[in-house]
Amino acid sequence: MADEKLAKLREAVAGLTQISENEKSGFISLVSRYLSGEEEHVEWGKIHTPTDEVVVPYDALEAAPEDIEETKKLLNKLAVLKLNGGLGTTMGCTGPKSVIEVRNGFTFLDLIVIQIESLNKKYGSNVPLLLMNSFNTHEDTLKAILSCQTSLTEQISEH
């Protein structure tokens, strides 16, 4: 029964001209997961607003240690997570906003990678970059980031 529903849905979605092929396939994928019962359920009752004890105002943070090894230890506990789900359609673009050229031939994504690479090089740390993509941005972002020749892309190609 689920296969019949998906076949009808695919047929109906194929005729839509207002959305991209990525959006169509992403939608079909989500519906397919839902129909198969593989969807994950969030237990909203277990999610709470962070308290003042865990949210520290920037002004209250301690200065970075003078000792490079101490700074490296702290940085090795850090991960950079960037939301990367938006398309640049409102700006007349067809791909992710992060691959829009912003300065001297560099994209937003290039600048983010350069910043993290610089930090890792300066302190000998290994701060990973995690991109939270949508089904609309995943493929184009992967192509863009793999075209960068950096140690961050070596980590991506391994996973």
N, C-alpha and C. Protein backbone atom coordinates (compact mmCIF):
# COMPACT_ATOMS: atom_id res chain seq x y z
N MET A 1 0.81 -1.20 0.00
CA MET A 1 0.00 0.00 0.00
C MET A 1 0.87 1.27 0.00
N ALA A 2 1.94 1.25 0.80
CA ALA A 2 2.84 2.41 0.84
C ALA A 2 3.50 2.62 -0.52
N ASP A 3 3.84 1.53 -1.22
CA ASP A 3 4.46 1.65 -2.54
C ASP A 3 3.52 2.31 -3.54
N GLU A 4 2.23 1.98 -3.45
CA GLU A 4 1.24 2.60 -4.35
C GLU A 4 1.14 4.10 -4.07
N LYS A 5 1.10 4.44 -2.78
CA LYS A 5 1.02 5.85 -2.41
C LYS A 5 2.24 6.62 -2.90
N LEU A 6 3.43 6.02 -2.75
CA LEU A 6 4.65 6.68 -3.20
C LEU A 6 4.67 6.84 -4.71
N ALA A 7 4.20 5.84 -5.43
CA ALA A 7 4.16 5.91 -6.90
C ALA A 7 3.25 7.05 -7.34
N LYS A 8 2.08 7.17 -6.72
CA LYS A 8 1.15 8.26 -7.06
C LYS A 8 1.76 9.61 -6.71
N LEU A 9 2.42 9.67 -5.57
CA LEU A 9 3.04 10.92 -5.13
C LEU A 9 4.16 11.33 -6.09
N ARG A 10 5.00 10.36 -6.48
CA ARG A 10 6.08 10.65 -7.43
C ARG A 10 5.53 11.21 -8.73
N GLU A 11 4.46 10.62 -9.20
CA GLU A 11 3.83 11.06 -10.44
C GLU A 11 3.31 12.50 -10.31
N ALA A 12 2.65 12.77 -9.19
CA ALA A 12 2.12 14.12 -8.97
C ALA A 12 3.23 15.15 -8.81
N VAL A 13 4.26 14.79 -8.08
CA VAL A 13 5.36 15.73 -7.82
C VAL A 13 6.18 15.98 -9.10
N ALA A 14 6.31 14.98 -9.94
CA ALA A 14 7.09 15.12 -11.17
C ALA A 14 6.56 16.25 -12.05
N GLY A 15 5.27 16.49 -12.00
CA GLY A 15 4.67 17.53 -12.83
C GLY A 15 4.79 18.94 -12.27
N LEU A 16 5.29 19.08 -11.06
CA LEU A 16 5.42 20.41 -10.45
C LEU A 16 6.59 21.16 -11.07
N THR A 17 6.35 22.35 -11.52
CA THR A 17 7.44 23.14 -12.12
C THR A 17 7.94 24.24 -11.19
N GLN A 18 7.24 24.46 -10.07
CA GLN A 18 7.61 25.54 -9.16
C GLN A 18 8.77 25.20 -8.25
N ILE A 19 9.11 23.91 -8.13
CA ILE A 19 10.18 23.52 -7.22
C ILE A 19 11.27 22.76 -7.96
N SER A 20 12.47 22.78 -7.39
CA SER A 20 13.63 22.14 -8.03
C SER A 20 13.58 20.62 -7.91
N GLU A 21 14.41 19.95 -8.68
CA GLU A 21 14.51 18.49 -8.60
C GLU A 21 15.00 18.06 -7.22
N ASN A 22 15.92 18.83 -6.62
CA ASN A 22 16.39 18.53 -5.26
C ASN A 22 15.24 18.58 -4.26
N GLU A 23 14.41 19.60 -4.38
CA GLU A 23 13.27 19.72 -3.47
C GLU A 23 12.29 18.56 -3.67
N LYS A 24 12.06 18.19 -4.92
CA LYS A 24 11.16 17.07 -5.21
C LYS A 24 11.69 15.77 -4.60
N SER A 25 12.95 15.47 -4.85
CA SER A 25 13.51 14.22 -4.34
C SER A 25 13.58 14.23 -2.82
N GLY A 26 13.89 15.38 -2.23
CA GLY A 26 13.92 15.49 -0.77
C GLY A 26 12.55 15.25 -0.16
N PHE A 27 11.52 15.81 -0.78
CA PHE A 27 10.16 15.62 -0.30
C PHE A 27 9.75 14.15 -0.39
N ILE A 28 10.02 13.53 -1.52
CA ILE A 28 9.70 12.11 -1.71
C ILE A 28 10.44 11.27 -0.66
N SER A 29 11.69 11.60 -0.40
CA SER A 29 12.48 10.87 0.59
C SER A 29 11.87 10.98 1.98
N LEU A 30 11.46 12.18 2.36
CA LEU A 30 10.85 12.38 3.68
C LEU A 30 9.53 11.62 3.81
N VAL A 31 8.70 11.68 2.78
CA VAL A 31 7.42 10.95 2.82
C VAL A 31 7.68 9.45 2.88
N SER A 32 8.66 8.98 2.13
CA SER A 32 9.02 7.56 2.12
C SER A 32 9.44 7.10 3.51
N ARG A 33 10.27 7.90 4.18
CA ARG A 33 10.70 7.57 5.55
C ARG A 33 9.50 7.53 6.49
N TYR A 34 8.61 8.50 6.32
CA TYR A 34 7.42 8.54 7.17
C TYR A 34 6.57 7.29 6.97
N LEU A 35 6.31 6.93 5.72
CA LEU A 35 5.47 5.77 5.43
C LEU A 35 6.10 4.46 5.88
N SER A 36 7.44 4.41 5.89
CA SER A 36 8.11 3.18 6.29
C SER A 36 8.17 3.02 7.81
N GLY A 37 7.85 4.08 8.53
CA GLY A 37 7.91 4.02 9.99
C GLY A 37 9.29 4.31 10.54
N GLU A 38 10.23 4.74 9.68
CA GLU A 38 11.60 5.01 10.12
C GLU A 38 11.78 6.39 10.73
N GLU A 39 10.72 7.20 10.72
CA GLU A 39 10.87 8.55 11.25
C GLU A 39 11.21 8.51 12.73
N GLU A 40 11.96 9.49 13.16
CA GLU A 40 12.33 9.57 14.56
C GLU A 40 11.35 10.49 15.28
N HIS A 41 11.06 10.14 16.52
CA HIS A 41 10.14 10.95 17.31
C HIS A 41 10.93 11.73 18.35
N VAL A 42 10.67 13.01 18.42
CA VAL A 42 11.31 13.86 19.42
C VAL A 42 10.43 13.86 20.66
N GLU A 43 11.04 13.61 21.79
CA GLU A 43 10.32 13.67 23.06
C GLU A 43 10.43 15.10 23.58
N TRP A 44 9.48 15.92 23.16
CA TRP A 44 9.53 17.35 23.46
C TRP A 44 9.50 17.64 24.95
N GLY A 45 8.93 16.76 25.73
CA GLY A 45 8.89 16.96 27.18
C GLY A 45 10.26 16.93 27.82
N LYS A 46 11.23 16.30 27.15
CA LYS A 46 12.59 16.22 27.68
C LYS A 46 13.46 17.41 27.26
N ILE A 47 12.93 18.28 26.42
CA ILE A 47 13.70 19.43 25.93
C ILE A 47 13.31 20.66 26.73
N HIS A 48 14.32 21.31 27.31
CA HIS A 48 14.09 22.47 28.16
C HIS A 48 14.98 23.62 27.72
N THR A 49 14.56 24.82 28.03
CA THR A 49 15.36 26.01 27.78
C THR A 49 16.59 25.96 28.68
N PRO A 50 17.78 26.27 28.13
CA PRO A 50 18.99 26.27 28.97
C PRO A 50 18.86 27.27 30.12
N THR A 51 19.41 26.91 31.24
CA THR A 51 19.37 27.78 32.42
C THR A 51 20.52 28.79 32.36
N ASP A 52 20.44 29.79 33.21
CA ASP A 52 21.49 30.80 33.29
C ASP A 52 22.84 30.21 33.70
N GLU A 53 22.82 29.08 34.39
CA GLU A 53 24.07 28.44 34.81
C GLU A 53 24.85 27.88 33.62
N VAL A 54 24.16 27.48 32.56
CA VAL A 54 24.86 26.89 31.41
C VAL A 54 25.07 27.86 30.26
N VAL A 55 24.34 28.96 30.25
CA VAL A 55 24.52 29.98 29.22
C VAL A 55 25.35 31.10 29.83
N VAL A 56 26.59 31.22 29.37
CA VAL A 56 27.50 32.21 29.94
C VAL A 56 27.59 33.41 28.99
N PRO A 57 27.30 34.61 29.50
CA PRO A 57 27.44 35.80 28.65
C PRO A 57 28.89 35.98 28.18
N TYR A 58 29.07 36.46 26.98
CA TYR A 58 30.40 36.63 26.41
C TYR A 58 31.31 37.45 27.34
N ASP A 59 30.76 38.52 27.90
CA ASP A 59 31.56 39.39 28.78
C ASP A 59 32.07 38.66 30.02
N ALA A 60 31.42 37.57 30.40
CA ALA A 60 31.81 36.83 31.60
C ALA A 60 32.84 35.74 31.31
N LEU A 61 33.16 35.51 30.05
CA LEU A 61 34.13 34.47 29.70
C LEU A 61 35.54 34.87 30.12
N GLU A 62 36.32 33.87 30.50
CA GLU A 62 37.72 34.14 30.83
C GLU A 62 38.50 34.39 29.54
N ALA A 63 39.55 35.16 29.64
CA ALA A 63 40.41 35.39 28.47
C ALA A 63 41.10 34.08 28.10
N ALA A 64 41.44 33.95 26.83
CA ALA A 64 42.14 32.73 26.38
C ALA A 64 43.48 32.64 27.09
N PRO A 65 43.91 31.43 27.41
CA PRO A 65 45.20 31.26 28.09
C PRO A 65 46.36 31.78 27.22
N GLU A 66 47.38 32.30 27.87
CA GLU A 66 48.57 32.76 27.16
C GLU A 66 49.37 31.58 26.61
N ASP A 67 49.31 30.46 27.32
CA ASP A 67 50.05 29.26 26.94
C ASP A 67 49.38 28.59 25.74
N ILE A 68 50.14 28.44 24.66
CA ILE A 68 49.60 27.86 23.42
C ILE A 68 49.10 26.43 23.64
N GLU A 69 49.79 25.65 24.45
CA GLU A 69 49.36 24.27 24.70
C GLU A 69 48.02 24.23 25.44
N GLU A 70 47.82 25.16 26.37
CA GLU A 70 46.54 25.23 27.08
C GLU A 70 45.42 25.63 26.12
N THR A 71 45.72 26.57 25.23
CA THR A 71 44.73 26.98 24.23
C THR A 71 44.39 25.82 23.31
N LYS A 72 45.42 25.07 22.91
CA LYS A 72 45.20 23.90 22.05
C LYS A 72 44.28 22.89 22.73
N LYS A 73 44.51 22.64 24.02
CA LYS A 73 43.66 21.70 24.76
C LYS A 73 42.20 22.14 24.74
N LEU A 74 41.99 23.44 24.92
CA LEU A 74 40.62 23.97 24.89
C LEU A 74 40.02 23.85 23.49
N LEU A 75 40.80 24.21 22.47
CA LEU A 75 40.30 24.15 21.10
C LEU A 75 39.97 22.72 20.67
N ASN A 76 40.72 21.76 21.19
CA ASN A 76 40.45 20.37 20.83
C ASN A 76 39.15 19.83 21.43
N LYS A 77 38.50 20.65 22.25
CA LYS A 77 37.18 20.31 22.78
C LYS A 77 36.07 21.01 22.00
N LEU A 78 36.45 21.79 21.00
CA LEU A 78 35.52 22.63 20.26
C LEU A 78 35.15 22.01 18.92
N ALA A 79 33.91 22.22 18.52
CA ALA A 79 33.46 21.90 17.16
C ALA A 79 32.68 23.12 16.67
N VAL A 80 32.82 23.45 15.39
CA VAL A 80 32.08 24.57 14.82
C VAL A 80 30.94 23.98 14.00
N LEU A 81 29.71 24.37 14.36
CA LEU A 81 28.52 23.89 13.67
C LEU A 81 27.87 25.07 12.95
N LYS A 82 27.71 24.94 11.65
CA LYS A 82 27.10 26.01 10.86
C LYS A 82 25.82 25.51 10.23
N LEU A 83 24.75 26.26 10.40
CA LEU A 83 23.50 25.96 9.72
C LEU A 83 23.69 26.33 8.25
N ASN A 84 23.47 25.39 7.37
CA ASN A 84 23.75 25.59 5.95
C ASN A 84 22.58 25.11 5.10
N GLY A 85 21.37 25.37 5.57
CA GLY A 85 20.21 24.82 4.88
C GLY A 85 19.53 25.76 3.91
N GLY A 86 20.00 27.01 3.83
CA GLY A 86 19.28 27.99 3.02
C GLY A 86 19.76 28.10 1.59
N LEU A 87 18.80 28.20 0.69
CA LEU A 87 19.11 28.45 -0.71
C LEU A 87 19.12 29.95 -0.95
N GLY A 88 19.85 30.37 -1.95
CA GLY A 88 19.94 31.78 -2.27
C GLY A 88 18.92 32.23 -3.30
N THR A 89 17.74 31.60 -3.31
CA THR A 89 16.74 31.92 -4.34
C THR A 89 16.25 33.36 -4.26
N THR A 90 16.14 33.90 -3.04
CA THR A 90 15.68 35.29 -2.91
C THR A 90 16.71 36.27 -3.44
N MET A 91 17.96 35.80 -3.59
CA MET A 91 19.03 36.64 -4.13
C MET A 91 19.29 36.31 -5.59
N GLY A 92 18.42 35.52 -6.19
CA GLY A 92 18.56 35.18 -7.60
C GLY A 92 19.54 34.05 -7.86
N CYS A 93 19.93 33.32 -6.84
CA CYS A 93 20.87 32.21 -6.99
C CYS A 93 20.12 30.89 -7.02
N THR A 94 20.80 29.86 -7.51
CA THR A 94 20.15 28.56 -7.60
C THR A 94 20.70 27.55 -6.61
N GLY A 95 21.71 27.90 -5.85
CA GLY A 95 22.31 26.96 -4.91
C GLY A 95 22.33 27.50 -3.50
N PRO A 96 23.11 26.84 -2.63
CA PRO A 96 23.19 27.26 -1.23
C PRO A 96 23.78 28.67 -1.09
N LYS A 97 23.29 29.41 -0.11
CA LYS A 97 23.81 30.75 0.14
C LYS A 97 25.30 30.71 0.46
N SER A 98 25.75 29.63 1.08
CA SER A 98 27.15 29.54 1.50
C SER A 98 28.12 29.50 0.34
N VAL A 99 27.67 29.21 -0.88
CA VAL A 99 28.59 29.17 -2.01
C VAL A 99 28.49 30.43 -2.88
N ILE A 100 27.83 31.45 -2.35
CA ILE A 100 27.78 32.74 -3.04
C ILE A 100 29.12 33.43 -2.86
N GLU A 101 29.66 33.94 -3.95
CA GLU A 101 30.95 34.66 -3.87
C GLU A 101 30.72 36.00 -3.18
N VAL A 102 31.54 36.27 -2.15
CA VAL A 102 31.34 37.49 -1.37
C VAL A 102 32.51 38.46 -1.41
N ARG A 103 33.75 37.96 -1.56
CA ARG A 103 34.89 38.87 -1.55
C ARG A 103 36.09 38.22 -2.22
N ASN A 104 36.67 38.93 -3.17
CA ASN A 104 37.91 38.50 -3.83
C ASN A 104 37.86 37.05 -4.34
N GLY A 105 36.72 36.64 -4.86
CA GLY A 105 36.59 35.29 -5.40
C GLY A 105 36.29 34.24 -4.37
N PHE A 106 36.16 34.61 -3.10
CA PHE A 106 35.87 33.66 -2.04
C PHE A 106 34.37 33.62 -1.73
N THR A 107 33.88 32.44 -1.42
CA THR A 107 32.50 32.27 -0.99
C THR A 107 32.44 32.32 0.53
N PHE A 108 31.21 32.39 1.07
CA PHE A 108 31.05 32.31 2.52
C PHE A 108 31.70 31.04 3.05
N LEU A 109 31.47 29.94 2.35
CA LEU A 109 32.02 28.65 2.77
C LEU A 109 33.54 28.67 2.76
N ASP A 110 34.14 29.26 1.72
CA ASP A 110 35.60 29.39 1.66
C ASP A 110 36.12 30.14 2.88
N LEU A 111 35.47 31.25 3.22
CA LEU A 111 35.92 32.07 4.34
C LEU A 111 35.81 31.32 5.67
N ILE A 112 34.74 30.55 5.84
CA ILE A 112 34.58 29.75 7.06
C ILE A 112 35.70 28.72 7.16
N VAL A 113 35.96 28.03 6.05
CA VAL A 113 37.02 27.00 6.03
C VAL A 113 38.38 27.63 6.31
N ILE A 114 38.66 28.78 5.70
CA ILE A 114 39.94 29.47 5.90
C ILE A 114 40.11 29.86 7.37
N GLN A 115 39.04 30.37 7.99
CA GLN A 115 39.13 30.76 9.41
C GLN A 115 39.47 29.56 10.29
N ILE A 116 38.80 28.46 10.08
CA ILE A 116 39.04 27.28 10.92
C ILE A 116 40.41 26.69 10.63
N GLU A 117 40.80 26.65 9.36
CA GLU A 117 42.13 26.16 9.00
C GLU A 117 43.21 27.02 9.67
N SER A 118 43.02 28.33 9.66
CA SER A 118 43.98 29.24 10.27
C SER A 118 44.10 28.98 11.77
N LEU A 119 42.97 28.81 12.42
CA LEU A 119 42.95 28.51 13.86
C LEU A 119 43.67 27.20 14.14
N ASN A 120 43.37 26.17 13.35
CA ASN A 120 44.00 24.86 13.55
C ASN A 120 45.51 24.93 13.31
N LYS A 121 45.92 25.69 12.31
CA LYS A 121 47.35 25.81 12.00
C LYS A 121 48.07 26.58 13.11
N LYS A 122 47.48 27.68 13.55
CA LYS A 122 48.11 28.53 14.56
C LYS A 122 48.36 27.77 15.86
N TYR A 123 47.39 26.95 16.28
CA TYR A 123 47.48 26.29 17.58
C TYR A 123 47.76 24.79 17.49
N GLY A 124 47.86 24.25 16.27
CA GLY A 124 48.08 22.82 16.13
C GLY A 124 46.89 22.02 16.62
N SER A 125 45.71 22.63 16.53
CA SER A 125 44.49 22.00 17.03
C SER A 125 43.77 21.26 15.90
N ASN A 126 42.64 20.67 16.26
CA ASN A 126 41.86 19.92 15.28
C ASN A 126 40.38 20.24 15.46
N VAL A 127 40.03 21.51 15.23
CA VAL A 127 38.64 21.95 15.36
C VAL A 127 37.89 21.51 14.11
N PRO A 128 36.88 20.64 14.25
CA PRO A 128 36.14 20.20 13.07
C PRO A 128 35.05 21.20 12.68
N LEU A 129 34.72 21.23 11.39
CA LEU A 129 33.62 22.03 10.87
C LEU A 129 32.49 21.08 10.52
N LEU A 130 31.34 21.31 11.12
CA LEU A 130 30.15 20.51 10.85
C LEU A 130 29.13 21.40 10.15
N LEU A 131 28.63 20.94 9.02
CA LEU A 131 27.64 21.71 8.28
C LEU A 131 26.29 21.01 8.39
N MET A 132 25.30 21.75 8.86
CA MET A 132 23.95 21.20 8.95
C MET A 132 23.22 21.59 7.67
N ASN A 133 23.24 20.66 6.71
CA ASN A 133 22.65 20.89 5.40
C ASN A 133 21.19 20.46 5.35
N SER A 134 20.49 20.97 4.36
CA SER A 134 19.16 20.45 4.05
C SER A 134 19.31 19.58 2.81
N PHE A 135 18.25 18.87 2.44
CA PHE A 135 18.36 18.09 1.21
C PHE A 135 18.56 18.99 0.00
N ASN A 136 18.20 20.27 0.12
CA ASN A 136 18.40 21.21 -0.99
C ASN A 136 19.84 21.66 -1.14
N THR A 137 20.60 21.64 -0.06
CA THR A 137 21.95 22.20 -0.11
C THR A 137 23.05 21.14 -0.03
N HIS A 138 22.72 19.93 0.32
CA HIS A 138 23.74 18.91 0.59
C HIS A 138 24.69 18.67 -0.58
N GLU A 139 24.16 18.32 -1.74
CA GLU A 139 25.01 17.95 -2.87
C GLU A 139 25.90 19.10 -3.33
N ASP A 140 25.32 20.29 -3.51
CA ASP A 140 26.11 21.45 -3.97
C ASP A 140 27.18 21.84 -2.95
N THR A 141 26.85 21.75 -1.67
CA THR A 141 27.82 22.08 -0.63
C THR A 141 28.95 21.06 -0.62
N LEU A 142 28.62 19.80 -0.75
CA LEU A 142 29.63 18.75 -0.77
C LEU A 142 30.60 18.97 -1.94
N LYS A 143 30.07 19.28 -3.11
CA LYS A 143 30.93 19.56 -4.28
C LYS A 143 31.84 20.76 -4.00
N ALA A 144 31.28 21.80 -3.42
CA ALA A 144 32.06 23.01 -3.16
C ALA A 144 33.15 22.76 -2.14
N ILE A 145 32.82 22.06 -1.08
CA ILE A 145 33.81 21.87 -0.01
C ILE A 145 34.89 20.88 -0.45
N LEU A 146 34.53 19.90 -1.25
CA LEU A 146 35.54 18.95 -1.73
C LEU A 146 36.47 19.58 -2.76
N SER A 147 36.05 20.69 -3.36
CA SER A 147 36.93 21.37 -4.31
C SER A 147 38.00 22.18 -3.59
N CYS A 148 37.80 22.46 -2.28
CA CYS A 148 38.81 23.13 -1.47
C CYS A 148 39.89 22.11 -1.14
N GLN A 149 41.14 22.46 -1.27
CA GLN A 149 42.23 21.55 -0.93
C GLN A 149 42.75 21.90 0.45
N THR A 150 42.05 21.39 1.48
CA THR A 150 42.43 21.69 2.86
C THR A 150 42.36 20.42 3.68
N SER A 151 42.91 20.48 4.89
CA SER A 151 42.84 19.30 5.77
C SER A 151 41.41 19.05 6.23
N LEU A 152 40.56 20.09 6.26
CA LEU A 152 39.16 19.89 6.62
C LEU A 152 38.46 19.00 5.60
N THR A 153 38.80 19.18 4.31
CA THR A 153 38.14 18.36 3.30
C THR A 153 38.66 16.93 3.34
N GLU A 154 39.86 16.73 3.86
CA GLU A 154 40.35 15.35 4.02
C GLU A 154 39.48 14.63 5.03
N GLN A 155 39.04 15.33 6.08
CA GLN A 155 38.17 14.73 7.08
C GLN A 155 36.81 14.40 6.46
N ILE A 156 36.30 15.27 5.60
CA ILE A 156 35.00 15.05 4.96
C ILE A 156 35.05 13.84 4.04
N SER A 157 36.10 13.73 3.25
CA SER A 157 36.18 12.64 2.29
C SER A 157 36.31 11.29 2.97
N GLU A 158 36.71 11.28 4.25
CA GLU A 158 36.82 10.02 4.99
C GLU A 158 35.47 9.55 5.48
N HIS A 159 34.47 10.41 5.57
CA HIS A 159 33.17 10.03 6.16
C HIS A 159 32.10 9.92 5.12
